[in-house]
Amino acid sequence: MLRVRLPSYVARGSLMLFIALLWAAPLASQTYIDLAKLSYAVTPNNNFDNGQDGNPINEWNLQIDLPVVLDKKSVLITGFTGNSLNVGLDPSLSDGSQLYTLGIRLGMNQVYSDTWSATYLLLPKFSSDFSNGFRDGFQLGVATLFSKTYSKRLKFTFGVFTNTEEYGQLVVPLFGGYYLSPDNRFEATLLLPSVAEINYAVGTKIRLGMNFDGLGATYVLQDSNFSHAYVTKSSNEIFSYIRFPLTRSVLLNIKAGYSVFRSYKVYDRDDKVDLSLATIYIGDNRTVLNTGFKDNFIFKFDLIYRFHLEKKPSAD
């Protein structure tokens, strides 16, 4: 019998889709592209639901994009993403598990008219503890996003993302957009249900903002603690941040936030679901093999390389 479970956390998706949303914009509205981003996040005091103390959670992320402009209407998208995550999955374990993701982006941004464009992406990756090298943990994602540009300051985006997660097939409908106020102070970028960000310029260089990351991932486990398993990461993270430029093209974000309904649930490799539609699991009868976490604070730092599509205004 099919059973539908509505998880308490908000969203599942991939940060790579947030990059894809930005790629739908350069030929239409935005005046910049973020070509590289290095992030570090830490939860210093991680506690389990049973009251026992856990190890800190440390996570590194690296994203690099290398676009190739084919003509005025076509851009070839290439990129790389890497992730390193150290997390203690159960209070009975003295050491944390080291999890990794290595993936690429390959696709095309195509402009069809003055108002319509589309982004098509293949997102293959390996996601595991790499105990068996590259023999386990291959996943394949596909994203399609259509964008309608209303002006240089307003764009609407919709599409779909699907990925072969370790628990089965994931399908996520997507909608969002981009808005920049006439005075260039307020900016909003959305790709729901995964990511949302707003910021406001204070003075000429500083921006204050908030962002939501409702991201998920799955990793194969083949270490001595869990020899035939996978972990499903879900984390709804709400941040406030300050952004300031180190140079015109290099930006630094300093963030403080809180995780809501964060979990790293471990399942047997043979324990699957029939289908996942965003936050809805169909046919979910899996058995959790570890102890859950409590919500906690997160501190994060982003170093961004931004390529400007418009020349810097000359001083009068």
Protein backbone atom coordinates (compact mmCIF):
# COMPACT_ATOMS: atom_id res chain seq x y z
CA MET A 1 0.00 0.00 0.00
CA LEU A 2 1.29 3.44 -0.89
CA ARG A 3 1.91 5.79 1.94
CA VAL A 4 2.50 9.53 1.55
CA ARG A 5 4.70 11.24 4.12
CA LEU A 6 4.85 15.01 4.43
CA PRO A 7 8.22 15.81 6.00
CA SER A 8 8.33 18.64 8.53
CA TYR A 9 11.19 20.40 6.76
CA VAL A 10 10.38 22.84 4.02
CA ALA A 11 12.21 22.08 0.82
CA ARG A 12 14.49 19.75 -1.06
CA GLY A 13 16.64 20.73 -4.00
CA SER A 14 20.15 21.64 -5.01
CA LEU A 15 22.25 24.75 -4.73
CA MET A 16 23.25 24.17 -8.33
CA LEU A 17 19.72 25.22 -9.31
CA PHE A 18 20.27 28.62 -7.75
CA ILE A 19 23.23 29.02 -10.11
CA ALA A 20 20.99 27.93 -12.97
CA LEU A 21 18.47 30.64 -12.17
CA LEU A 22 21.20 33.26 -12.44
CA TRP A 23 22.22 31.86 -15.82
CA ALA A 24 18.77 32.61 -17.17
CA ALA A 25 19.37 36.27 -16.36
CA PRO A 26 22.63 37.54 -17.93
CA LEU A 27 21.22 37.85 -21.42
CA ALA A 28 18.05 39.38 -20.08
CA SER A 29 18.19 41.46 -16.91
CA GLN A 30 20.97 41.11 -14.32
CA THR A 31 24.17 43.12 -14.65
CA TYR A 32 26.50 40.47 -13.17
CA ILE A 33 27.24 36.75 -12.89
CA ASP A 34 28.82 35.08 -9.86
CA LEU A 35 31.45 32.83 -11.45
CA ALA A 36 33.01 31.34 -8.29
CA LYS A 37 31.94 30.87 -4.69
CA LEU A 38 33.79 29.34 -1.74
CA SER A 39 31.76 28.77 1.44
CA TYR A 40 32.44 27.47 4.93
CA ALA A 41 29.68 26.70 7.45
CA VAL A 42 29.97 25.47 11.03
CA THR A 43 27.60 24.45 13.81
CA PRO A 44 29.86 24.60 16.90
CA ASN A 45 27.54 22.83 19.35
CA ASN A 46 25.57 20.03 17.77
CA ASN A 47 23.30 18.03 20.09
CA PHE A 48 21.30 14.87 19.50
CA ASP A 49 17.61 14.43 20.27
CA ASN A 50 18.44 12.10 23.18
CA GLY A 51 20.35 14.91 24.92
CA GLN A 52 23.87 13.70 24.19
CA ASP A 53 26.47 16.11 22.86
CA GLY A 54 27.67 15.68 19.31
CA ASN A 55 30.63 16.80 17.26
CA PRO A 56 30.60 20.16 15.45
CA ILE A 57 29.27 20.05 11.88
CA ASN A 58 31.75 21.51 9.39
CA GLU A 59 30.99 21.99 5.70
CA TRP A 60 32.94 23.41 2.74
CA ASN A 61 31.45 24.20 -0.66
CA LEU A 62 33.16 25.28 -3.87
CA GLN A 63 31.39 26.30 -7.09
CA ILE A 64 33.07 27.42 -10.29
CA ASP A 65 31.38 28.36 -13.57
CA LEU A 66 33.11 28.69 -16.93
CA PRO A 67 30.68 30.07 -19.53
CA VAL A 68 31.33 30.04 -23.26
CA VAL A 69 29.44 32.66 -25.30
CA LEU A 70 28.54 31.08 -28.63
CA ASP A 71 26.61 34.03 -30.06
CA LYS A 72 24.24 36.80 -28.96
CA LYS A 73 21.53 34.30 -28.05
CA SER A 74 23.42 31.23 -26.86
CA VAL A 75 25.71 30.58 -23.91
CA LEU A 76 27.29 27.20 -23.21
CA ILE A 77 27.26 26.54 -19.45
CA THR A 78 30.06 24.54 -17.86
CA GLY A 79 30.91 24.34 -14.19
CA PHE A 80 32.18 22.35 -11.23
CA THR A 81 30.90 21.86 -7.71
CA GLY A 82 32.63 20.29 -4.72
CA ASN A 83 31.38 19.66 -1.19
CA SER A 84 33.08 18.34 1.95
CA LEU A 85 30.95 17.61 5.03
CA ASN A 86 32.05 16.30 8.42
CA VAL A 87 29.17 15.26 10.67
CA GLY A 88 28.66 12.86 13.56
CA LEU A 89 25.72 10.69 12.56
CA ASP A 90 25.03 8.98 15.90
CA PRO A 91 26.00 9.59 19.56
CA SER A 92 27.39 6.03 19.79
CA LEU A 93 30.14 6.96 17.31
CA SER A 94 33.23 8.77 18.55
CA ASP A 95 34.23 10.14 15.14
CA GLY A 96 32.29 12.02 12.53
CA SER A 97 31.64 10.76 9.01
CA GLN A 98 33.41 12.55 6.16
CA LEU A 99 31.09 12.97 3.18
CA TYR A 100 31.87 14.42 -0.25
CA THR A 101 30.20 15.56 -3.45
CA LEU A 102 31.97 16.09 -6.76
CA GLY A 103 29.88 17.20 -9.71
CA ILE A 104 29.80 19.13 -12.95
CA ARG A 105 27.27 21.34 -14.73
CA LEU A 106 26.82 21.16 -18.47
CA GLY A 107 24.08 22.93 -20.33
CA MET A 108 22.87 25.79 -22.46
CA ASN A 109 21.21 29.14 -21.95
CA GLN A 110 19.16 30.06 -25.02
CA VAL A 111 17.40 33.35 -25.74
CA TYR A 112 14.30 32.89 -27.92
CA SER A 113 12.98 36.45 -27.99
CA ASP A 114 13.20 39.79 -26.22
CA THR A 115 11.12 38.36 -23.36
CA TRP A 116 11.66 34.57 -23.31
CA SER A 117 14.77 32.51 -22.58
CA ALA A 118 15.51 29.04 -21.22
CA THR A 119 18.26 27.19 -19.37
CA TYR A 120 18.85 23.45 -19.85
CA LEU A 121 21.24 21.65 -17.51
CA LEU A 122 22.72 18.19 -16.94
CA LEU A 123 23.99 17.78 -13.36
CA PRO A 124 25.94 14.53 -12.92
CA LYS A 125 27.74 14.01 -9.61
CA PHE A 126 29.24 11.50 -7.18
CA SER A 127 28.01 11.83 -3.60
CA SER A 128 29.42 9.48 -0.95
CA ASP A 129 32.09 8.97 1.69
CA PHE A 130 34.33 7.64 -1.14
CA SER A 131 35.26 4.54 0.85
CA ASN A 132 34.94 2.68 -2.47
CA GLY A 133 36.20 5.52 -4.62
CA PHE A 134 33.94 6.26 -7.58
CA ARG A 135 32.27 2.84 -7.64
CA ASP A 136 29.25 4.10 -5.64
CA GLY A 137 27.25 7.27 -5.28
CA PHE A 138 26.65 8.34 -8.88
CA GLN A 139 23.59 10.58 -9.32
CA LEU A 140 22.22 12.31 -12.40
CA GLY A 141 20.20 15.50 -12.23
CA VAL A 142 18.37 17.37 -15.01
CA ALA A 143 17.01 20.91 -14.76
CA THR A 144 14.92 22.93 -17.21
CA LEU A 145 14.10 26.57 -16.46
CA PHE A 146 12.09 29.02 -18.58
CA SER A 147 12.33 32.76 -17.95
CA LYS A 148 10.09 35.65 -18.97
CA THR A 149 11.68 39.09 -18.77
CA TYR A 150 9.34 42.00 -18.11
CA SER A 151 12.07 44.63 -17.82
CA LYS A 152 15.76 44.94 -17.00
CA ARG A 153 14.72 44.82 -13.34
CA LEU A 154 12.04 42.13 -13.27
CA LYS A 155 12.05 38.52 -14.41
CA PHE A 156 9.87 35.46 -13.69
CA THR A 157 11.22 31.89 -13.85
CA PHE A 158 9.60 28.46 -13.73
CA GLY A 159 10.69 24.91 -14.48
CA VAL A 160 11.44 21.48 -13.04
CA PHE A 161 14.37 19.63 -11.49
CA THR A 162 14.77 15.86 -11.18
CA ASN A 163 17.58 13.80 -9.66
CA THR A 164 18.36 10.14 -8.98
CA GLU A 165 18.74 10.34 -5.20
CA GLU A 166 19.85 7.31 -3.17
CA TYR A 167 16.28 6.76 -1.94
CA GLY A 168 14.79 6.94 -5.46
CA GLN A 169 13.65 9.52 -7.99
CA LEU A 170 13.20 13.13 -6.87
CA VAL A 171 11.05 15.58 -8.88
CA VAL A 172 10.78 19.25 -7.84
CA PRO A 173 8.63 21.89 -9.59
CA LEU A 174 10.40 25.27 -9.51
CA PHE A 175 9.26 28.86 -9.66
CA GLY A 176 10.92 32.14 -8.83
CA GLY A 177 12.36 35.28 -10.31
CA TYR A 178 14.59 38.29 -9.94
CA TYR A 179 13.80 41.91 -8.97
CA LEU A 180 15.96 45.02 -8.60
CA SER A 181 14.41 48.25 -7.36
CA PRO A 182 14.70 51.45 -9.46
CA ASP A 183 17.23 52.93 -7.01
CA ASN A 184 19.33 49.71 -7.17
CA ARG A 185 19.15 49.29 -3.39
CA PHE A 186 16.70 46.41 -2.93
CA GLU A 187 17.40 43.09 -4.67
CA ALA A 188 15.52 39.79 -4.51
CA THR A 189 16.34 36.42 -6.10
CA LEU A 190 14.01 33.44 -5.63
CA LEU A 191 14.02 29.81 -6.68
CA LEU A 192 11.30 28.18 -4.60
CA PRO A 193 10.99 25.84 -2.83
CA SER A 194 14.77 25.68 -2.47
CA VAL A 195 16.33 29.13 -2.17
CA ALA A 196 15.28 32.71 -1.46
CA GLU A 197 17.46 35.78 -0.93
CA ILE A 198 16.79 39.47 -0.38
CA ASN A 199 19.27 42.24 0.36
CA TYR A 200 19.36 46.01 0.72
CA ALA A 201 22.23 48.43 0.07
CA VAL A 202 23.34 50.49 3.05
CA GLY A 203 25.55 53.26 1.74
CA THR A 204 27.55 52.64 -1.42
CA LYS A 205 29.31 49.35 -0.56
CA ILE A 206 27.57 47.46 2.25
CA ARG A 207 24.54 45.25 1.74
CA LEU A 208 22.43 43.71 4.52
CA GLY A 209 20.39 40.66 3.63
CA MET A 210 18.52 37.54 4.56
CA ASN A 211 18.42 34.23 2.77
CA PHE A 212 16.74 30.85 3.11
CA ASP A 213 18.38 27.60 2.03
CA GLY A 214 16.00 24.63 1.98
CA LEU A 215 18.51 22.21 0.55
CA GLY A 216 18.82 18.46 0.56
CA ALA A 217 21.31 15.81 -0.49
CA THR A 218 21.97 12.08 -0.20
CA TYR A 219 25.33 10.35 0.29
CA VAL A 220 26.35 6.69 0.06
CA LEU A 221 27.92 5.29 3.25
CA GLN A 222 30.40 2.43 3.01
CA ASP A 223 32.62 2.99 6.08
CA SER A 224 33.05 0.75 9.11
CA ASN A 225 30.17 2.42 10.97
CA PHE A 226 27.54 2.01 8.23
CA SER A 227 28.74 -0.52 5.67
CA HIS A 228 25.66 -0.67 3.42
CA ALA A 229 23.69 2.53 3.93
CA TYR A 230 23.03 6.07 2.79
CA VAL A 231 22.36 9.32 4.61
CA THR A 232 19.68 11.83 3.65
CA LYS A 233 20.60 15.38 4.58
CA SER A 234 17.85 17.97 4.94
CA SER A 235 18.44 21.42 6.34
CA ASN A 236 16.22 24.48 6.34
CA GLU A 237 18.60 27.32 7.12
CA ILE A 238 17.61 30.95 7.68
CA PHE A 239 20.46 33.47 7.66
CA SER A 240 21.00 37.16 8.20
CA TYR A 241 24.16 38.49 6.62
CA ILE A 242 26.33 41.45 5.84
CA ARG A 243 28.06 41.68 2.46
CA PHE A 244 30.93 43.97 1.63
CA PRO A 245 33.44 44.12 -1.24
CA LEU A 246 37.09 43.24 -0.77
CA THR A 247 37.55 44.47 -4.33
CA ARG A 248 34.98 45.38 -6.99
CA SER A 249 34.82 41.73 -8.08
CA VAL A 250 35.51 39.89 -4.80
CA LEU A 251 32.75 39.95 -2.18
CA LEU A 252 32.57 38.58 1.36
CA ASN A 253 29.39 37.44 3.11
CA ILE A 254 29.39 37.00 6.89
CA LYS A 255 26.30 35.06 7.97
CA ALA A 256 24.62 33.99 11.19
CA GLY A 257 21.58 31.74 11.07
CA TYR A 258 19.54 28.92 12.53
CA SER A 259 18.65 25.48 11.22
CA VAL A 260 15.02 24.36 11.36
CA PHE A 261 14.09 20.65 11.19
CA ARG A 262 17.67 19.74 10.32
CA SER A 263 18.30 16.01 9.97
CA TYR A 264 20.89 13.54 8.73
CA LYS A 265 18.92 10.30 8.61
CA VAL A 266 20.69 7.03 7.83
CA TYR A 267 18.89 4.22 5.98
CA ASP A 268 19.85 0.83 4.58
CA ARG A 269 20.85 1.01 0.89
CA ASP A 270 17.91 -1.23 -0.06
CA ASP A 271 15.38 0.97 1.77
CA LYS A 272 13.77 3.12 -0.96
CA VAL A 273 10.66 5.19 -1.67
CA ASP A 274 8.47 4.96 -4.76
CA LEU A 275 8.80 8.65 -5.66
CA SER A 276 9.58 12.00 -4.04
CA LEU A 277 7.63 15.03 -5.27
CA ALA A 278 9.49 17.91 -3.60
CA THR A 279 8.58 17.39 0.09
CA ILE A 280 6.13 14.56 -0.48
CA TYR A 281 7.43 10.98 -0.23
CA ILE A 282 5.21 8.36 -1.86
CA GLY A 283 5.54 4.84 -0.51
CA ASP A 284 7.89 5.76 2.32
CA ASN A 285 8.21 2.84 4.76
CA ARG A 286 11.91 3.28 5.55
CA THR A 287 13.51 2.59 8.94
CA VAL A 288 15.88 5.21 10.38
CA LEU A 289 19.14 3.68 11.66
CA ASN A 290 20.51 6.59 13.72
CA THR A 291 19.54 9.25 16.28
CA GLY A 292 18.26 12.65 15.13
CA PHE A 293 19.64 16.15 15.80
CA LYS A 294 18.28 19.16 17.58
CA ASP A 295 18.01 22.47 15.74
CA ASN A 296 20.92 24.83 16.30
CA PHE A 297 22.79 27.93 15.21
CA ILE A 298 24.93 28.04 12.05
CA PHE A 299 27.71 30.46 11.14
CA LYS A 300 28.74 30.78 7.53
CA PHE A 301 31.24 32.68 5.36
CA ASP A 302 31.01 33.12 1.57
CA LEU A 303 33.78 34.39 -0.67
CA ILE A 304 32.36 35.32 -4.10
CA TYR A 305 33.98 36.23 -7.41
CA ARG A 306 31.53 38.41 -9.37
CA PHE A 307 31.89 39.19 -13.08
CA HIS A 308 30.26 42.48 -14.03
CA LEU A 309 28.48 42.64 -17.37
CA GLU A 310 28.49 46.43 -17.37
CA LYS A 311 31.53 48.67 -17.17
CA LYS A 312 32.19 50.57 -13.98
CA PRO A 313 30.73 54.08 -14.25
CA SER A 314 33.41 56.70 -14.72
CA ALA A 315 33.78 59.42 -12.11
CA ASP A 316 32.48 62.85 -13.07
